[in-house]
Amino acid sequence: MKAADVRAMSVDQLNDELAKLKKEQFNLRFQGATGQLEKTSRVREIRRDVARIKTIARQKAAEAKA
């Protein structure tokens, strides 16, 4: 997911996407613990996407406040 794509989303869409990514992150952690995880790089991608969404959501909140 690109930062430009995330910036184009509304706050509600960001929250929905964040919830979806958190659920996927949980499932990937579970798969890793049970030894069923095939694509280990996906864990890193999800973690970075979560951080990207949180950062942009915080920036949007600061802009709305100012």
PDB file of N, CA and C in Angstrom:
ATOM      1  N   MET A   1       0.845  -1.176   0.000  1.00  0.00           N
ATOM      2  CA  MET A   1       0.000   0.000   0.000  1.00  0.00           C
ATOM      3  C   MET A   1       0.892   1.241   0.000  1.00  0.00           C
ATOM      4  N   LYS A   2       0.611   2.127  -0.901  1.00  0.00           N
ATOM      5  CA  LYS A   2       1.391   3.354  -1.042  1.00  0.00           C
ATOM      6  C   LYS A   2       0.826   4.444  -0.145  1.00  0.00           C
ATOM      7  N   ALA A   3       1.676   5.374   0.238  1.00  0.00           N
ATOM      8  CA  ALA A   3       1.245   6.481   1.090  1.00  0.00           C
ATOM      9  C   ALA A   3       0.220   7.354   0.366  1.00  0.00           C
ATOM     10  N   ALA A   4       0.361   7.512  -0.929  1.00  0.00           N
ATOM     11  CA  ALA A   4      -0.595   8.319  -1.693  1.00  0.00           C
ATOM     12  C   ALA A   4      -1.987   7.689  -1.653  1.00  0.00           C
ATOM     13  N   ASP A   5      -2.046   6.365  -1.695  1.00  0.00           N
ATOM     14  CA  ASP A   5      -3.333   5.671  -1.600  1.00  0.00           C
ATOM     15  C   ASP A   5      -3.966   5.901  -0.229  1.00  0.00           C
ATOM     16  N   VAL A   6      -3.142   5.864   0.798  1.00  0.00           N
ATOM     17  CA  VAL A   6      -3.642   6.041   2.162  1.00  0.00           C
ATOM     18  C   VAL A   6      -4.117   7.478   2.365  1.00  0.00           C
ATOM     19  N   ARG A   7      -3.392   8.437   1.836  1.00  0.00           N
ATOM     20  CA  ARG A   7      -3.784   9.840   1.985  1.00  0.00           C
ATOM     21  C   ARG A   7      -5.117  10.140   1.297  1.00  0.00           C
ATOM     22  N   ALA A   8      -5.445   9.386   0.261  1.00  0.00           N
ATOM     23  CA  ALA A   8      -6.697   9.605  -0.464  1.00  0.00           C
ATOM     24  C   ALA A   8      -7.910   9.081   0.308  1.00  0.00           C
ATOM     25  N   MET A   9      -7.686   8.272   1.328  1.00  0.00           N
ATOM     26  CA  MET A   9      -8.787   7.683   2.096  1.00  0.00           C
ATOM     27  C   MET A   9      -9.330   8.667   3.124  1.00  0.00           C
ATOM     28  N   SER A  10     -10.598   8.464   3.478  1.00  0.00           N
ATOM     29  CA  SER A  10     -11.192   9.258   4.555  1.00  0.00           C
ATOM     30  C   SER A  10     -10.795   8.640   5.897  1.00  0.00           C
ATOM     31  N   VAL A  11     -11.119   9.344   6.969  1.00  0.00           N
ATOM     32  CA  VAL A  11     -10.757   8.857   8.304  1.00  0.00           C
ATOM     33  C   VAL A  11     -11.466   7.538   8.604  1.00  0.00           C
ATOM     34  N   ASP A  12     -12.735   7.430   8.202  1.00  0.00           N
ATOM     35  CA  ASP A  12     -13.475   6.185   8.431  1.00  0.00           C
ATOM     36  C   ASP A  12     -12.870   5.026   7.649  1.00  0.00           C
ATOM     37  N   GLN A  13     -12.467   5.295   6.419  1.00  0.00           N
ATOM     38  CA  GLN A  13     -11.830   4.259   5.615  1.00  0.00           C
ATOM     39  C   GLN A  13     -10.508   3.832   6.234  1.00  0.00           C
ATOM     40  N   LEU A  14      -9.764   4.796   6.788  1.00  0.00           N
ATOM     41  CA  LEU A  14      -8.492   4.468   7.443  1.00  0.00           C
ATOM     42  C   LEU A  14      -8.722   3.560   8.641  1.00  0.00           C
ATOM     43  N   ASN A  15      -9.751   3.858   9.424  1.00  0.00           N
ATOM     44  CA  ASN A  15     -10.050   3.028  10.592  1.00  0.00           C
ATOM     45  C   ASN A  15     -10.460   1.622  10.180  1.00  0.00           C
ATOM     46  N   ASP A  16     -11.252   1.505   9.116  1.00  0.00           N
ATOM     47  CA  ASP A  16     -11.659   0.191   8.620  1.00  0.00           C
ATOM     48  C   ASP A  16     -10.451  -0.597   8.122  1.00  0.00           C
ATOM     49  N   GLU A  17      -9.595   0.062   7.371  1.00  0.00           N
ATOM     50  CA  GLU A  17      -8.397  -0.594   6.843  1.00  0.00           C
ATOM     51  C   GLU A  17      -7.465  -1.016   7.969  1.00  0.00           C
ATOM     52  N   LEU A  18      -7.349  -0.177   8.992  1.00  0.00           N
ATOM     53  CA  LEU A  18      -6.503  -0.502  10.141  1.00  0.00           C
ATOM     54  C   LEU A  18      -7.028  -1.739  10.859  1.00  0.00           C
ATOM     55  N   ALA A  19      -8.322  -1.829  11.041  1.00  0.00           N
ATOM     56  CA  ALA A  19      -8.915  -3.002  11.694  1.00  0.00           C
ATOM     57  C   ALA A  19      -8.671  -4.262  10.872  1.00  0.00           C
ATOM     58  N   LYS A  20      -8.807  -4.138   9.554  1.00  0.00           N
ATOM     59  CA  LYS A  20      -8.575  -5.281   8.670  1.00  0.00           C
ATOM     60  C   LYS A  20      -7.123  -5.752   8.754  1.00  0.00           C
ATOM     61  N   LEU A  21      -6.199  -4.791   8.763  1.00  0.00           N
ATOM     62  CA  LEU A  21      -4.776  -5.143   8.834  1.00  0.00           C
ATOM     63  C   LEU A  21      -4.409  -5.756  10.181  1.00  0.00           C
ATOM     64  N   LYS A  22      -5.005  -5.237  11.253  1.00  0.00           N
ATOM     65  CA  LYS A  22      -4.735  -5.797  12.579  1.00  0.00           C
ATOM     66  C   LYS A  22      -5.202  -7.250  12.654  1.00  0.00           C
ATOM     67  N   LYS A  23      -6.358  -7.532  12.050  1.00  0.00           N
ATOM     68  CA  LYS A  23      -6.874  -8.899  12.037  1.00  0.00           C
ATOM     69  C   LYS A  23      -5.951  -9.810  11.240  1.00  0.00           C
ATOM     70  N   GLU A  24      -5.484  -9.307  10.094  1.00  0.00           N
ATOM     71  CA  GLU A  24      -4.561 -10.105   9.282  1.00  0.00           C
ATOM     72  C   GLU A  24      -3.239 -10.320  10.014  1.00  0.00           C
ATOM     73  N   GLN A  25      -2.785  -9.287  10.719  1.00  0.00           N
ATOM     74  CA  GLN A  25      -1.544  -9.406  11.480  1.00  0.00           C
ATOM     75  C   GLN A  25      -1.669 -10.476  12.558  1.00  0.00           C
ATOM     76  N   PHE A  26      -2.813 -10.513  13.232  1.00  0.00           N
ATOM     77  CA  PHE A  26      -3.048 -11.541  14.242  1.00  0.00           C
ATOM     78  C   PHE A  26      -3.008 -12.928  13.620  1.00  0.00           C
ATOM     79  N   ASN A  27      -3.689 -13.085  12.474  1.00  0.00           N
ATOM     80  CA  ASN A  27      -3.710 -14.384  11.805  1.00  0.00           C
ATOM     81  C   ASN A  27      -2.315 -14.818  11.361  1.00  0.00           C
ATOM     82  N   LEU A  28      -1.523 -13.867  10.879  1.00  0.00           N
ATOM     83  CA  LEU A  28      -0.160 -14.197  10.459  1.00  0.00           C
ATOM     84  C   LEU A  28       0.707 -14.606  11.652  1.00  0.00           C
ATOM     85  N   ARG A  29       0.533 -13.913  12.774  1.00  0.00           N
ATOM     86  CA  ARG A  29       1.286 -14.299  13.977  1.00  0.00           C
ATOM     87  C   ARG A  29       0.899 -15.706  14.422  1.00  0.00           C
ATOM     88  N   PHE A  30      -0.376 -16.003  14.340  1.00  0.00           N
ATOM     89  CA  PHE A  30      -0.857 -17.332  14.718  1.00  0.00           C
ATOM     90  C   PHE A  30      -0.278 -18.391  13.794  1.00  0.00           C
ATOM     91  N   GLN A  31      -0.271 -18.115  12.488  1.00  0.00           N
ATOM     92  CA  GLN A  31       0.303 -19.054  11.529  1.00  0.00           C
ATOM     93  C   GLN A  31       1.799 -19.250  11.781  1.00  0.00           C
ATOM     94  N   GLY A  32       2.485 -18.174  12.130  1.00  0.00           N
ATOM     95  CA  GLY A  32       3.915 -18.284  12.409  1.00  0.00           C
ATOM     96  C   GLY A  32       4.193 -19.136  13.627  1.00  0.00           C
ATOM     97  N   ALA A  33       3.345 -19.001  14.634  1.00  0.00           N
ATOM     98  CA  ALA A  33       3.534 -19.769  15.867  1.00  0.00           C
ATOM     99  C   ALA A  33       3.280 -21.252  15.644  1.00  0.00           C
ATOM    100  N   THR A  34       2.360 -21.569  14.736  1.00  0.00           N
ATOM    101  CA  THR A  34       2.050 -22.972  14.481  1.00  0.00           C
ATOM    102  C   THR A  34       2.881 -23.564  13.345  1.00  0.00           C
ATOM    103  N   GLY A  35       3.736 -22.744  12.739  1.00  0.00           N
ATOM    104  CA  GLY A  35       4.615 -23.240  11.683  1.00  0.00           C
ATOM    105  C   GLY A  35       3.949 -23.348  10.329  1.00  0.00           C
ATOM    106  N   GLN A  36       2.829 -22.663  10.120  1.00  0.00           N
ATOM    107  CA  GLN A  36       2.107 -22.748   8.859  1.00  0.00           C
ATOM    108  C   GLN A  36       2.330 -21.538   7.962  1.00  0.00           C
ATOM    109  N   LEU A  37       3.121 -20.582   8.415  1.00  0.00           N
ATOM    110  CA  LEU A  37       3.323 -19.347   7.659  1.00  0.00           C
ATOM    111  C   LEU A  37       4.262 -19.603   6.487  1.00  0.00           C
ATOM    112  N   GLU A  38       3.779 -19.317   5.275  1.00  0.00           N
ATOM    113  CA  GLU A  38       4.584 -19.552   4.080  1.00  0.00           C
ATOM    114  C   GLU A  38       5.315 -18.292   3.633  1.00  0.00           C
ATOM    115  N   LYS A  39       4.623 -17.157   3.637  1.00  0.00           N
ATOM    116  CA  LYS A  39       5.219 -15.916   3.144  1.00  0.00           C
ATOM    117  C   LYS A  39       5.562 -15.027   4.343  1.00  0.00           C
ATOM    118  N   THR A  40       6.756 -15.189   4.866  1.00  0.00           N
ATOM    119  CA  THR A  40       7.142 -14.478   6.079  1.00  0.00           C
ATOM    120  C   THR A  40       7.299 -12.974   5.862  1.00  0.00           C
ATOM    121  N   SER A  41       7.548 -12.559   4.640  1.00  0.00           N
ATOM    122  CA  SER A  41       7.721 -11.131   4.368  1.00  0.00           C
ATOM    123  C   SER A  41       6.412 -10.364   4.532  1.00  0.00           C
ATOM    124  N   ARG A  42       5.294 -11.061   4.484  1.00  0.00           N
ATOM    125  CA  ARG A  42       3.986 -10.410   4.622  1.00  0.00           C
ATOM    126  C   ARG A  42       3.832  -9.807   6.023  1.00  0.00           C
ATOM    127  N   VAL A  43       4.452 -10.409   7.026  1.00  0.00           N
ATOM    128  CA  VAL A  43       4.384  -9.880   8.393  1.00  0.00           C
ATOM    129  C   VAL A  43       4.984  -8.476   8.421  1.00  0.00           C
ATOM    130  N   ARG A  44       6.105  -8.308   7.776  1.00  0.00           N
ATOM    131  CA  ARG A  44       6.778  -7.012   7.729  1.00  0.00           C
ATOM    132  C   ARG A  44       5.953  -5.981   6.955  1.00  0.00           C
ATOM    133  N   GLU A  45       5.367  -6.411   5.841  1.00  0.00           N
ATOM    134  CA  GLU A  45       4.541  -5.510   5.038  1.00  0.00           C
ATOM    135  C   GLU A  45       3.343  -5.012   5.849  1.00  0.00           C
ATOM    136  N   ILE A  46       2.696  -5.906   6.561  1.00  0.00           N
ATOM    137  CA  ILE A  46       1.522  -5.539   7.359  1.00  0.00           C
ATOM    138  C   ILE A  46       1.919  -4.559   8.449  1.00  0.00           C
ATOM    139  N   ARG A  47       3.025  -4.836   9.118  1.00  0.00           N
ATOM    140  CA  ARG A  47       3.482  -3.964  10.195  1.00  0.00           C
ATOM    141  C   ARG A  47       3.743  -2.551   9.685  1.00  0.00           C
ATOM    142  N   ARG A  48       4.352  -2.459   8.523  1.00  0.00           N
ATOM    143  CA  ARG A  48       4.648  -1.142   7.953  1.00  0.00           C
ATOM    144  C   ARG A  48       3.391  -0.439   7.471  1.00  0.00           C
ATOM    145  N   ASP A  49       2.442  -1.195   6.928  1.00  0.00           N
ATOM    146  CA  ASP A  49       1.177  -0.605   6.494  1.00  0.00           C
ATOM    147  C   ASP A  49       0.399  -0.053   7.688  1.00  0.00           C
ATOM    148  N   VAL A  50       0.413  -0.782   8.794  1.00  0.00           N
ATOM    149  CA  VAL A  50      -0.261  -0.306  10.010  1.00  0.00           C
ATOM    150  C   VAL A  50       0.371   1.002  10.467  1.00  0.00           C
ATOM    151  N   ALA A  51       1.678   1.053  10.488  1.00  0.00           N
ATOM    152  CA  ALA A  51       2.376   2.274  10.901  1.00  0.00           C
ATOM    153  C   ALA A  51       2.070   3.424   9.955  1.00  0.00           C
ATOM    154  N   ARG A  52       2.027   3.144   8.661  1.00  0.00           N
ATOM    155  CA  ARG A  52       1.746   4.169   7.664  1.00  0.00           C
ATOM    156  C   ARG A  52       0.335   4.734   7.860  1.00  0.00           C
ATOM    157  N   ILE A  53      -0.626   3.861   8.099  1.00  0.00           N
ATOM    158  CA  ILE A  53      -2.001   4.305   8.293  1.00  0.00           C
ATOM    159  C   ILE A  53      -2.131   5.124   9.572  1.00  0.00           C
ATOM    160  N   LYS A  54      -1.504   4.670  10.643  1.00  0.00           N
ATOM    161  CA  LYS A  54      -1.570   5.411  11.903  1.00  0.00           C
ATOM    162  C   LYS A  54      -0.937   6.796  11.768  1.00  0.00           C
ATOM    163  N   THR A  55       0.171   6.879  11.070  1.00  0.00           N
ATOM    164  CA  THR A  55       0.854   8.155  10.879  1.00  0.00           C
ATOM    165  C   THR A  55      -0.015   9.132  10.100  1.00  0.00           C
ATOM    166  N   ILE A  56      -0.576   8.684   9.004  1.00  0.00           N
ATOM    167  CA  ILE A  56      -1.378   9.568   8.169  1.00  0.00           C
ATOM    168  C   ILE A  56      -2.679   9.948   8.870  1.00  0.00           C
ATOM    169  N   ALA A  57      -3.264   9.013   9.632  1.00  0.00           N
ATOM    170  CA  ALA A  57      -4.482   9.340  10.391  1.00  0.00           C
ATOM    171  C   ALA A  57      -4.181  10.413  11.424  1.00  0.00           C
ATOM    172  N   ARG A  58      -3.034  10.323  12.041  1.00  0.00           N
ATOM    173  CA  ARG A  58      -2.658  11.339  13.033  1.00  0.00           C
ATOM    174  C   ARG A  58      -2.420  12.689  12.362  1.00  0.00           C
ATOM    175  N   GLN A  59      -1.812  12.689  11.204  1.00  0.00           N
ATOM    176  CA  GLN A  59      -1.598  13.935  10.459  1.00  0.00           C
ATOM    177  C   GLN A  59      -2.931  14.565  10.072  1.00  0.00           C
ATOM    178  N   LYS A  60      -3.877  13.759   9.621  1.00  0.00           N
ATOM    179  CA  LYS A  60      -5.190  14.270   9.253  1.00  0.00           C
ATOM    180  C   LYS A  60      -5.910  14.847  10.468  1.00  0.00           C
ATOM    181  N   ALA A  61      -5.769  14.201  11.617  1.00  0.00           N
ATOM    182  CA  ALA A  61      -6.402  14.715  12.837  1.00  0.00           C
ATOM    183  C   ALA A  61      -5.790  16.043  13.241  1.00  0.00           C
ATOM    184  N   ALA A  62      -4.475  16.186  13.085  1.00  0.00           N
ATOM    185  CA  ALA A  62      -3.802  17.440  13.425  1.00  0.00           C
ATOM    186  C   ALA A  62      -4.236  18.550  12.471  1.00  0.00           C
ATOM    187  N   GLU A  63      -4.406  18.235  11.193  1.00  0.00           N
ATOM    188  CA  GLU A  63      -4.858  19.235  10.216  1.00  0.00           C
ATOM    189  C   GLU A  63      -6.282  19.696  10.537  1.00  0.00           C
ATOM    190  N   ALA A  64      -7.119  18.764  10.947  1.00  0.00           N
ATOM    191  CA  ALA A  64      -8.505  19.103  11.260  1.00  0.00           C
ATOM    192  C   ALA A  64      -8.570  19.980  12.503  1.00  0.00           C
ATOM    193  N   LYS A  65      -7.651  19.760  13.411  1.00  0.00           N
ATOM    194  CA  LYS A  65      -7.625  20.531  14.651  1.00  0.00           C
ATOM    195  C   LYS A  65      -7.142  21.950  14.402  1.00  0.00           C
ATOM    196  N   ALA A  66      -6.200  22.096  13.484  1.00  0.00           N
ATOM    197  CA  ALA A  66      -5.596  23.420  13.216  1.00  0.00           C
ATOM    198  C   ALA A  66      -6.430  24.287  12.296  1.00  0.00           C
TER     199      ALA A  66
END
